[in-house]
Amino acid sequence: MQLIRASQLQFFFVAIWENSLICFSVLF
């Protein structure tokens, strides 16, 4: 269970990071 939760949390963080990079590239 902990491994699954960790992978989900990592996937969620990566998704936010990619969205942040997209927004940053659009603004600048």
C-alpha atoms as a PDB file:
ATOM      1  CA  MET A   1       0.000   0.000   0.000  1.00  0.00           C
ATOM      2  CA  GLN A   2       2.769   2.449   0.878  1.00  0.00           C
ATOM      3  CA  LEU A   3       4.558   1.812  -2.422  1.00  0.00           C
ATOM      4  CA  ILE A   4       1.340   2.421  -4.344  1.00  0.00           C
ATOM      5  CA  ARG A   5       0.685   5.608  -2.405  1.00  0.00           C
ATOM      6  CA  ALA A   6       4.246   6.798  -3.010  1.00  0.00           C
ATOM      7  CA  SER A   7       3.948   6.176  -6.751  1.00  0.00           C
ATOM      8  CA  GLN A   8       0.626   8.025  -6.864  1.00  0.00           C
ATOM      9  CA  LEU A   9       2.108  10.954  -4.944  1.00  0.00           C
ATOM     10  CA  GLN A  10       5.127  11.037  -7.267  1.00  0.00           C
ATOM     11  CA  PHE A  11       2.854  10.920 -10.345  1.00  0.00           C
ATOM     12  CA  PHE A  12       0.756  13.763  -8.888  1.00  0.00           C
ATOM     13  CA  PHE A  13       3.897  15.846  -8.217  1.00  0.00           C
ATOM     14  CA  VAL A  14       5.236  15.220 -11.737  1.00  0.00           C
ATOM     15  CA  ALA A  15       1.887  16.261 -13.235  1.00  0.00           C
ATOM     16  CA  ILE A  16       1.941  19.538 -11.265  1.00  0.00           C
ATOM     17  CA  TRP A  17       5.598  20.133 -12.234  1.00  0.00           C
ATOM     18  CA  GLU A  18       4.845  19.621 -15.943  1.00  0.00           C
ATOM     19  CA  ASN A  19       1.842  21.961 -15.740  1.00  0.00           C
ATOM     20  CA  SER A  20       4.024  24.561 -14.005  1.00  0.00           C
ATOM     21  CA  LEU A  21       6.649  24.304 -16.764  1.00  0.00           C
ATOM     22  CA  ILE A  22       3.936  24.715 -19.426  1.00  0.00           C
ATOM     23  CA  CYS A  23       2.514  27.797 -17.683  1.00  0.00           C
ATOM     24  CA  PHE A  24       6.023  29.220 -17.241  1.00  0.00           C
ATOM     25  CA  SER A  25       6.867  28.692 -20.932  1.00  0.00           C
ATOM     26  CA  VAL A  26       3.575  30.335 -21.947  1.00  0.00           C
ATOM     27  CA  LEU A  27       4.127  33.376 -19.712  1.00  0.00           C
ATOM     28  CA  PHE A  28       7.742  33.755 -20.797  1.00  0.00           C
END
